[in-house]
Amino acid sequence: VVYRIQSGAGDKFVIDPTSGILSVANGASLDPDGTEPRTTHYSMVVVALDGGIGGNQMTATTQVQIDIQDVNNKLPVLVDPGTVRVLENTKVGQFVHRVVATDPDEKSSLRFSIDRDNCEARSEEGTIIKPSEFDFLSAFELNAVDGLLRVVRLLDRERVEVIRLAIRVEDTASVSGKQITSGVLTIIVEDENDNNPMFRKPFYRRFITENSQLGVLIVNVVADDADKNRTITYSLEGSAKMTELVHLDQQTGEMVVANRIDHEQTPWL
């Protein structure tokens, strides 16, 4: 009796013509994820031929059904986390992003985590911020199962503007050792106008000669604001009798003489 595969084997299986032993062909891969379309089942027709000659040869056929069991042996694929923008006054508990991963294996079990040893934060000036200076790692919590990232501590853009979280996804159902894929989620902390401007000096004192010419510079007051979207405008408060003697530039803070100043009438402003 001689055996051969009549159909269904493709390039995946061979049969020993003498023993009828069916085996995987050399170099063939049965990995369902490596076939197109994805194949987990093969149906073959095997023929047995006796030693008869010509029209006297007798044959018989049988069907062989083979199911391929997927083995969890591939790395998960982390969809590029990209960049997310988060307002610095985002409420504690609010979700701001979802990390997404896929796995070609049938029976995978993906778990997300933050690799704290490989995270980084920088200030507006680009200076690296150490966790001891501002614990940016404690500001976020990543759900291990669904990949949802939420704020668990108030952010402060004046202390940290860019946070790079090292994200890991692991297939805990792996049968071939650890299967871990990593990526980086960049978080841009966006500014809120939540800081008061501050003058560089708490008190300005200047002397000016009475009857000085109009336009003579008296003082240049300067204020700073920690907010990134800052726009500082200067103005004067006081009685019209006083404020009409000088002019304060709203943008630069320069104060100049605007009217005749008489020492006997106005010894100080």
Foldseek 3Di string as FASTA:
>chain_A
DFKFWPDFCPQFWGAHRPPRDIDGHPPDDLAQLPDVVRDFKTKTKMKRWDPDPDPGIDMDIDIDIGGHDHAQAAAKAWDAQEEWEAELAPDAPDWGGATDIGGPTDDWQKFKDWPVVPKWWAAPVGHTDDCVRPVVVQQWDAGGHGRTIGGHDGGDNLRTFKIKTKMKMWGPPHPPDTRIDIHIYIYGHAWDQDWDKAWPDPDDDFDDDFQDDWPAWTDATDIDTSTPPDQFFDDDDDDPVPDQQWDAHGRGRTITGRDGGDCVVDVDD
